[in-house]
Amino acid sequence: MTDKIFDNNQVTMAGRVVSDFEFSHEVFGEGFYNITIQVDRLSNSYDMIPLMVSDRLIDVNADLKGKMISVNGQFRSYNRHDDNKNKLVLSVFVREIEILEEGAEVMNPNSIYLDGFVCKPTVYRKTPLGREIADILLAVNRPYGKSDYIPCICWGRNARFAESFEVGSRLCIWGRIQSREYQKKISEDQVEKRVAFEVSVSKMEYGNVTSTDEKVNAPA
């Protein structure tokens, strides 16, 4: 049962470490630490992805900044209480980690598979330039009655497909984890820069129908 649940949330990622280990919490003597990696995109930009790593997997006192690592794990969420408000915090919970040799090639440095349930109405919209976008919040079960709530974003054909999804329906998603900076208005004269994390969807399976982003099928 546990192995089956773990199969519904799979992340494989490789990137360069850009932060020190920062203590997060401890469970039954096992310490968990936050660290951030820079994951390159094909477009010559990159994503800054937060990881949560156990001190039983790696020496958290070591200085890994600048080194390439690969990880396998799950994309998880938890609620953090700030100023009487709940904030959804996302990070990759690492189950396996490896330090890579400099120059090592990684075929797919950022991939995720999720099998979950649509837990709120899909938000479909168009950009001022006419590009179609849909936002999905996916609930992915894990052991002991817990769930992770993962925001996902899709484009074009996938966005049109997602517009009709019903809350409670099962949905499988393939894609990558991305970071996105945005401006949060704090007051009339104060704006704060923040970072959001979400799954950029390349392929979806809803019912017996599969949809793929146009970019994947576009001719070379």
C-alpha atoms as a PDB file:
ATOM      1  CA  MET A   1       0.000   0.000   0.000  1.00  0.00           C
ATOM      2  CA  THR A   2       2.747   2.454   0.940  1.00  0.00           C
ATOM      3  CA  ASP A   3       4.777   1.747  -2.217  1.00  0.00           C
ATOM      4  CA  LYS A   4       1.691   2.299  -4.369  1.00  0.00           C
ATOM      5  CA  ILE A   5       1.057   5.689  -2.792  1.00  0.00           C
ATOM      6  CA  PHE A   6       4.675   6.704  -3.245  1.00  0.00           C
ATOM      7  CA  ASP A   7       4.357   5.946  -6.971  1.00  0.00           C
ATOM      8  CA  ASN A   8       1.819   8.745  -7.413  1.00  0.00           C
ATOM      9  CA  ASN A   9       4.355  11.525  -6.767  1.00  0.00           C
ATOM     10  CA  GLN A  10       7.747  11.159  -8.434  1.00  0.00           C
ATOM     11  CA  VAL A  11      10.372  13.852  -8.980  1.00  0.00           C
ATOM     12  CA  THR A  12      13.757  13.500 -10.676  1.00  0.00           C
ATOM     13  CA  MET A  13      15.976  16.580 -10.719  1.00  0.00           C
ATOM     14  CA  ALA A  14      19.564  17.706 -11.206  1.00  0.00           C
ATOM     15  CA  GLY A  15      21.023  21.135 -10.556  1.00  0.00           C
ATOM     16  CA  ARG A  16      23.732  23.234  -8.990  1.00  0.00           C
ATOM     17  CA  VAL A  17      23.607  23.932  -5.241  1.00  0.00           C
ATOM     18  CA  VAL A  18      23.304  27.669  -4.537  1.00  0.00           C
ATOM     19  CA  SER A  19      22.729  27.751  -0.755  1.00  0.00           C
ATOM     20  CA  ASP A  20      23.946  26.296   2.521  1.00  0.00           C
ATOM     21  CA  PHE A  21      21.955  23.686   4.440  1.00  0.00           C
ATOM     22  CA  GLU A  22      19.445  25.407   6.724  1.00  0.00           C
ATOM     23  CA  PHE A  23      17.834  23.472   9.590  1.00  0.00           C
ATOM     24  CA  SER A  24      14.081  22.991   9.201  1.00  0.00           C
ATOM     25  CA  HIS A  25      12.851  20.516  11.822  1.00  0.00           C
ATOM     26  CA  GLU A  26      13.533  17.204  13.547  1.00  0.00           C
ATOM     27  CA  VAL A  27      11.444  14.020  13.687  1.00  0.00           C
ATOM     28  CA  PHE A  28      12.449  11.202  16.089  1.00  0.00           C
ATOM     29  CA  GLY A  29      16.066  12.341  16.036  1.00  0.00           C
ATOM     30  CA  GLU A  30      16.243  12.726  12.266  1.00  0.00           C
ATOM     31  CA  GLY A  31      17.085  16.278  11.178  1.00  0.00           C
ATOM     32  CA  PHE A  32      15.678  17.824   8.001  1.00  0.00           C
ATOM     33  CA  TYR A  33      17.378  20.686   6.202  1.00  0.00           C
ATOM     34  CA  ASN A  34      16.450  23.090   3.406  1.00  0.00           C
ATOM     35  CA  ILE A  35      18.748  23.688   0.451  1.00  0.00           C
ATOM     36  CA  THR A  36      18.210  25.334  -2.954  1.00  0.00           C
ATOM     37  CA  ILE A  37      19.426  24.208  -6.363  1.00  0.00           C
ATOM     38  CA  GLN A  38      19.532  26.026  -9.694  1.00  0.00           C
ATOM     39  CA  VAL A  39      18.055  23.881 -12.458  1.00  0.00           C
ATOM     40  CA  ASP A  40      18.769  25.017 -16.017  1.00  0.00           C
ATOM     41  CA  ARG A  41      16.072  25.233 -18.674  1.00  0.00           C
ATOM     42  CA  LEU A  42      16.523  24.686 -22.410  1.00  0.00           C
ATOM     43  CA  SER A  43      15.730  28.379 -22.941  1.00  0.00           C
ATOM     44  CA  ASN A  44      18.979  29.438 -21.193  1.00  0.00           C
ATOM     45  CA  SER A  45      17.020  30.560 -18.120  1.00  0.00           C
ATOM     46  CA  TYR A  46      16.713  28.522 -14.921  1.00  0.00           C
ATOM     47  CA  ASP A  47      14.518  27.598 -11.965  1.00  0.00           C
ATOM     48  CA  MET A  48      15.471  27.912  -8.296  1.00  0.00           C
ATOM     49  CA  ILE A  49      14.056  24.808  -6.599  1.00  0.00           C
ATOM     50  CA  PRO A  50      13.923  24.269  -2.798  1.00  0.00           C
ATOM     51  CA  LEU A  51      14.805  20.824  -1.481  1.00  0.00           C
ATOM     52  CA  MET A  52      14.246  19.238   1.926  1.00  0.00           C
ATOM     53  CA  VAL A  53      17.010  16.744   2.796  1.00  0.00           C
ATOM     54  CA  SER A  54      17.489  14.388   5.745  1.00  0.00           C
ATOM     55  CA  ASP A  55      20.810  14.436   7.588  1.00  0.00           C
ATOM     56  CA  ARG A  56      20.788  10.654   7.158  1.00  0.00           C
ATOM     57  CA  LEU A  57      21.188  11.014   3.395  1.00  0.00           C
ATOM     58  CA  ILE A  58      24.158  13.385   3.263  1.00  0.00           C
ATOM     59  CA  ASP A  59      26.580  15.332   5.460  1.00  0.00           C
ATOM     60  CA  VAL A  60      24.658  18.571   6.040  1.00  0.00           C
ATOM     61  CA  ASN A  61      27.793  20.224   7.462  1.00  0.00           C
ATOM     62  CA  ALA A  62      29.568  19.934   4.108  1.00  0.00           C
ATOM     63  CA  ASP A  63      29.813  22.956   1.815  1.00  0.00           C
ATOM     64  CA  LEU A  64      28.131  21.864  -1.421  1.00  0.00           C
ATOM     65  CA  LYS A  65      27.657  25.316  -2.947  1.00  0.00           C
ATOM     66  CA  GLY A  66      28.610  25.244  -6.606  1.00  0.00           C
ATOM     67  CA  LYS A  67      28.437  21.453  -6.864  1.00  0.00           C
ATOM     68  CA  MET A  68      26.054  19.557  -9.140  1.00  0.00           C
ATOM     69  CA  ILE A  69      23.688  17.092  -7.480  1.00  0.00           C
ATOM     70  CA  SER A  70      20.898  14.810  -8.641  1.00  0.00           C
ATOM     71  CA  VAL A  71      17.910  13.878  -6.488  1.00  0.00           C
ATOM     72  CA  ASN A  72      14.857  11.642  -6.536  1.00  0.00           C
ATOM     73  CA  GLY A  73      11.903  12.383  -4.335  1.00  0.00           C
ATOM     74  CA  GLN A  74       8.426  13.864  -4.091  1.00  0.00           C
ATOM     75  CA  PHE A  75       6.953  17.352  -4.496  1.00  0.00           C
ATOM     76  CA  ARG A  76       5.326  18.118  -1.147  1.00  0.00           C
ATOM     77  CA  SER A  77       3.335  20.914   0.425  1.00  0.00           C
ATOM     78  CA  TYR A  78       2.662  22.081   3.949  1.00  0.00           C
ATOM     79  CA  ASN A  79       0.889  25.031   5.535  1.00  0.00           C
ATOM     80  CA  ARG A  80       2.982  27.643   7.320  1.00  0.00           C
ATOM     81  CA  HIS A  81       1.337  30.138   9.641  1.00  0.00           C
ATOM     82  CA  ASP A  82       2.595  33.688   9.107  1.00  0.00           C
ATOM     83  CA  ASP A  83       0.861  36.710  10.668  1.00  0.00           C
ATOM     84  CA  ASN A  84      -2.331  34.713  11.304  1.00  0.00           C
ATOM     85  CA  LYS A  85      -2.426  33.609   7.660  1.00  0.00           C
ATOM     86  CA  ASN A  86      -1.870  30.187   6.131  1.00  0.00           C
ATOM     87  CA  LYS A  87       0.725  30.013   3.381  1.00  0.00           C
ATOM     88  CA  LEU A  88       1.199  26.974   1.137  1.00  0.00           C
ATOM     89  CA  VAL A  89       4.912  26.082   1.113  1.00  0.00           C
ATOM     90  CA  LEU A  90       6.269  23.713  -1.554  1.00  0.00           C
ATOM     91  CA  SER A  91       9.566  21.832  -1.762  1.00  0.00           C
ATOM     92  CA  VAL A  92      11.048  18.609  -3.114  1.00  0.00           C
ATOM     93  CA  PHE A  93      11.265  16.013  -0.329  1.00  0.00           C
ATOM     94  CA  VAL A  94      14.475  14.150  -1.178  1.00  0.00           C
ATOM     95  CA  ARG A  95      14.634  10.345  -0.921  1.00  0.00           C
ATOM     96  CA  GLU A  96      17.892   9.818  -2.847  1.00  0.00           C
ATOM     97  CA  ILE A  97      20.735  12.269  -3.480  1.00  0.00           C
ATOM     98  CA  GLU A  98      23.999  11.995  -5.413  1.00  0.00           C
ATOM     99  CA  ILE A  99      26.866  14.445  -5.932  1.00  0.00           C
ATOM    100  CA  LEU A 100      27.707  14.527  -9.651  1.00  0.00           C
ATOM    101  CA  GLU A 101      31.035  14.921 -11.355  1.00  0.00           C
ATOM    102  CA  GLU A 102      31.528  18.344 -12.944  1.00  0.00           C
ATOM    103  CA  GLY A 103      30.407  18.198 -16.563  1.00  0.00           C
ATOM    104  CA  ALA A 104      28.235  15.118 -16.065  1.00  0.00           C
ATOM    105  CA  GLU A 105      25.361  14.978 -18.560  1.00  0.00           C
ATOM    106  CA  VAL A 106      21.802  14.528 -17.302  1.00  0.00           C
ATOM    107  CA  MET A 107      19.217  13.550 -19.908  1.00  0.00           C
ATOM    108  CA  ASN A 108      16.210  15.129 -18.173  1.00  0.00           C
ATOM    109  CA  PRO A 109      17.225  17.402 -15.272  1.00  0.00           C
ATOM    110  CA  ASN A 110      13.676  18.345 -14.233  1.00  0.00           C
ATOM    111  CA  SER A 111      10.771  15.910 -14.440  1.00  0.00           C
ATOM    112  CA  ILE A 112       7.724  15.180 -12.315  1.00  0.00           C
ATOM    113  CA  TYR A 113       4.818  12.741 -12.438  1.00  0.00           C
ATOM    114  CA  LEU A 114       1.699  13.246 -10.303  1.00  0.00           C
ATOM    115  CA  ASP A 115      -1.410  11.079  -9.942  1.00  0.00           C
ATOM    116  CA  GLY A 116      -4.046  12.891  -7.922  1.00  0.00           C
ATOM    117  CA  PHE A 117      -7.450  14.546  -7.810  1.00  0.00           C
ATOM    118  CA  VAL A 118      -8.662  17.957  -8.952  1.00  0.00           C
ATOM    119  CA  CYS A 119      -9.570  19.712  -5.688  1.00  0.00           C
ATOM    120  CA  LYS A 120     -10.894  23.095  -6.837  1.00  0.00           C
ATOM    121  CA  PRO A 121     -12.429  24.486 -10.039  1.00  0.00           C
ATOM    122  CA  THR A 122      -9.932  24.980 -12.856  1.00  0.00           C
ATOM    123  CA  VAL A 123      -9.206  28.638 -13.655  1.00  0.00           C
ATOM    124  CA  TYR A 124      -9.023  29.186 -17.429  1.00  0.00           C
ATOM    125  CA  ARG A 125      -7.952  32.533 -18.879  1.00  0.00           C
ATOM    126  CA  LYS A 126      -6.163  34.227 -21.753  1.00  0.00           C
ATOM    127  CA  THR A 127      -3.168  36.563 -21.652  1.00  0.00           C
ATOM    128  CA  PRO A 128      -3.405  40.018 -23.297  1.00  0.00           C
ATOM    129  CA  LEU A 129      -1.621  38.432 -26.278  1.00  0.00           C
ATOM    130  CA  GLY A 130      -4.240  35.690 -26.509  1.00  0.00           C
ATOM    131  CA  ARG A 131      -2.276  32.786 -25.042  1.00  0.00           C
ATOM    132  CA  GLU A 132      -4.491  30.282 -23.234  1.00  0.00           C
ATOM    133  CA  ILE A 133      -3.625  29.317 -19.634  1.00  0.00           C
ATOM    134  CA  ALA A 134      -5.317  27.124 -17.025  1.00  0.00           C
ATOM    135  CA  ASP A 135      -4.486  26.764 -13.329  1.00  0.00           C
ATOM    136  CA  ILE A 136      -5.161  23.450 -11.582  1.00  0.00           C
ATOM    137  CA  LEU A 137      -4.804  22.563  -7.911  1.00  0.00           C
ATOM    138  CA  LEU A 138      -4.073  18.856  -7.596  1.00  0.00           C
ATOM    139  CA  ALA A 139      -4.456  16.894  -4.345  1.00  0.00           C
ATOM    140  CA  VAL A 140      -1.978  13.990  -4.230  1.00  0.00           C
ATOM    141  CA  ASN A 141      -2.444  11.434  -1.466  1.00  0.00           C
ATOM    142  CA  ARG A 142       0.359  10.148   0.720  1.00  0.00           C
ATOM    143  CA  PRO A 143       0.423   7.738   3.702  1.00  0.00           C
ATOM    144  CA  TYR A 144      -1.323   8.287   7.037  1.00  0.00           C
ATOM    145  CA  GLY A 145      -4.253  10.196   5.549  1.00  0.00           C
ATOM    146  CA  LYS A 146      -2.188  13.173   4.405  1.00  0.00           C
ATOM    147  CA  SER A 147      -2.267  14.930   1.040  1.00  0.00           C
ATOM    148  CA  ASP A 148      -0.063  17.347  -0.864  1.00  0.00           C
ATOM    149  CA  TYR A 149      -1.713  20.235  -2.720  1.00  0.00           C
ATOM    150  CA  ILE A 150       0.227  20.993  -5.872  1.00  0.00           C
ATOM    151  CA  PRO A 151      -0.504  24.021  -8.104  1.00  0.00           C
ATOM    152  CA  CYS A 152      -0.144  23.184 -11.791  1.00  0.00           C
ATOM    153  CA  ILE A 153      -0.235  25.411 -14.865  1.00  0.00           C
ATOM    154  CA  CYS A 154      -0.952  24.378 -18.445  1.00  0.00           C
ATOM    155  CA  TRP A 155      -0.996  26.135 -21.790  1.00  0.00           C
ATOM    156  CA  GLY A 156      -2.682  26.018 -25.183  1.00  0.00           C
ATOM    157  CA  ARG A 157      -4.346  22.690 -25.972  1.00  0.00           C
ATOM    158  CA  ASN A 158      -3.789  21.462 -22.415  1.00  0.00           C
ATOM    159  CA  ALA A 159      -5.437  24.609 -21.022  1.00  0.00           C
ATOM    160  CA  ARG A 160      -8.525  24.106 -23.190  1.00  0.00           C
ATOM    161  CA  PHE A 161      -8.628  20.451 -22.124  1.00  0.00           C
ATOM    162  CA  ALA A 162      -8.365  21.380 -18.431  1.00  0.00           C
ATOM    163  CA  GLU A 163     -11.217  23.925 -18.582  1.00  0.00           C
ATOM    164  CA  SER A 164     -13.823  21.134 -18.344  1.00  0.00           C
ATOM    165  CA  PHE A 165     -12.243  19.184 -15.450  1.00  0.00           C
ATOM    166  CA  GLU A 166     -14.612  18.387 -12.595  1.00  0.00           C
ATOM    167  CA  VAL A 167     -13.645  18.761  -8.935  1.00  0.00           C
ATOM    168  CA  GLY A 168     -12.921  15.349  -7.425  1.00  0.00           C
ATOM    169  CA  SER A 169     -11.884  13.801 -10.736  1.00  0.00           C
ATOM    170  CA  ARG A 170      -8.673  11.805 -11.020  1.00  0.00           C
ATOM    171  CA  LEU A 171      -5.901  13.401 -13.084  1.00  0.00           C
ATOM    172  CA  CYS A 172      -2.376  12.284 -14.028  1.00  0.00           C
ATOM    173  CA  ILE A 173       0.198  14.926 -14.923  1.00  0.00           C
ATOM    174  CA  TRP A 174       3.688  14.877 -16.435  1.00  0.00           C
ATOM    175  CA  GLY A 175       5.840  17.995 -16.547  1.00  0.00           C
ATOM    176  CA  ARG A 176       8.524  19.946 -14.710  1.00  0.00           C
ATOM    177  CA  ILE A 177       8.723  22.057 -11.550  1.00  0.00           C
ATOM    178  CA  GLN A 178       9.242  25.748 -12.186  1.00  0.00           C
ATOM    179  CA  SER A 179       9.858  28.844 -10.074  1.00  0.00           C
ATOM    180  CA  ARG A 180       8.216  32.143 -10.968  1.00  0.00           C
ATOM    181  CA  GLU A 181       8.816  35.603  -9.530  1.00  0.00           C
ATOM    182  CA  TYR A 182       5.833  37.906  -9.047  1.00  0.00           C
ATOM    183  CA  GLN A 183       4.962  41.182  -7.346  1.00  0.00           C
ATOM    184  CA  LYS A 184       2.702  41.062  -4.269  1.00  0.00           C
ATOM    185  CA  LYS A 185       0.983  44.330  -3.325  1.00  0.00           C
ATOM    186  CA  ILE A 186       1.351  44.771   0.442  1.00  0.00           C
ATOM    187  CA  SER A 187      -0.171  48.261   0.705  1.00  0.00           C
ATOM    188  CA  GLU A 188      -0.978  51.225  -1.487  1.00  0.00           C
ATOM    189  CA  ASP A 189       2.686  52.191  -1.746  1.00  0.00           C
ATOM    190  CA  GLN A 190       4.483  48.912  -0.984  1.00  0.00           C
ATOM    191  CA  VAL A 191       5.147  45.976  -3.306  1.00  0.00           C
ATOM    192  CA  GLU A 192       7.031  42.828  -2.319  1.00  0.00           C
ATOM    193  CA  LYS A 193       8.856  40.450  -4.669  1.00  0.00           C
ATOM    194  CA  ARG A 194       7.918  36.819  -4.076  1.00  0.00           C
ATOM    195  CA  VAL A 195       8.563  33.428  -5.688  1.00  0.00           C
ATOM    196  CA  ALA A 196       5.889  30.880  -6.548  1.00  0.00           C
ATOM    197  CA  PHE A 197       6.490  27.217  -7.351  1.00  0.00           C
ATOM    198  CA  GLU A 198       4.260  25.174  -9.630  1.00  0.00           C
ATOM    199  CA  VAL A 199       4.238  22.279 -12.079  1.00  0.00           C
ATOM    200  CA  SER A 200       4.413  23.287 -15.726  1.00  0.00           C
ATOM    201  CA  VAL A 201       2.368  20.597 -17.476  1.00  0.00           C
ATOM    202  CA  SER A 202       3.499  18.950 -20.704  1.00  0.00           C
ATOM    203  CA  LYS A 203       1.089  15.978 -20.705  1.00  0.00           C
ATOM    204  CA  MET A 204      -2.136  15.063 -18.891  1.00  0.00           C
ATOM    205  CA  GLU A 205      -4.373  12.015 -18.655  1.00  0.00           C
ATOM    206  CA  TYR A 206      -7.985  12.615 -17.586  1.00  0.00           C
ATOM    207  CA  GLY A 207     -10.341   9.667 -17.727  1.00  0.00           C
ATOM    208  CA  ASN A 208      -9.289   7.778 -20.846  1.00  0.00           C
ATOM    209  CA  VAL A 209      -8.165  10.884 -22.730  1.00  0.00           C
ATOM    210  CA  THR A 210      -4.562  12.102 -23.006  1.00  0.00           C
ATOM    211  CA  SER A 211      -3.583  15.660 -23.912  1.00  0.00           C
ATOM    212  CA  THR A 212      -0.098  16.901 -24.795  1.00  0.00           C
ATOM    213  CA  ASP A 213       1.182  20.463 -25.040  1.00  0.00           C
ATOM    214  CA  GLU A 214       1.398  21.658 -28.654  1.00  0.00           C
ATOM    215  CA  LYS A 215       5.110  22.405 -28.243  1.00  0.00           C
ATOM    216  CA  VAL A 216       5.825  18.705 -27.718  1.00  0.00           C
ATOM    217  CA  ASN A 217       4.130  17.726 -30.992  1.00  0.00           C
ATOM    218  CA  ALA A 218       5.341  20.693 -33.007  1.00  0.00           C
ATOM    219  CA  PRO A 219       7.603  19.817 -35.958  1.00  0.00           C
ATOM    220  CA  ALA A 220      11.322  20.504 -35.483  1.00  0.00           C
END
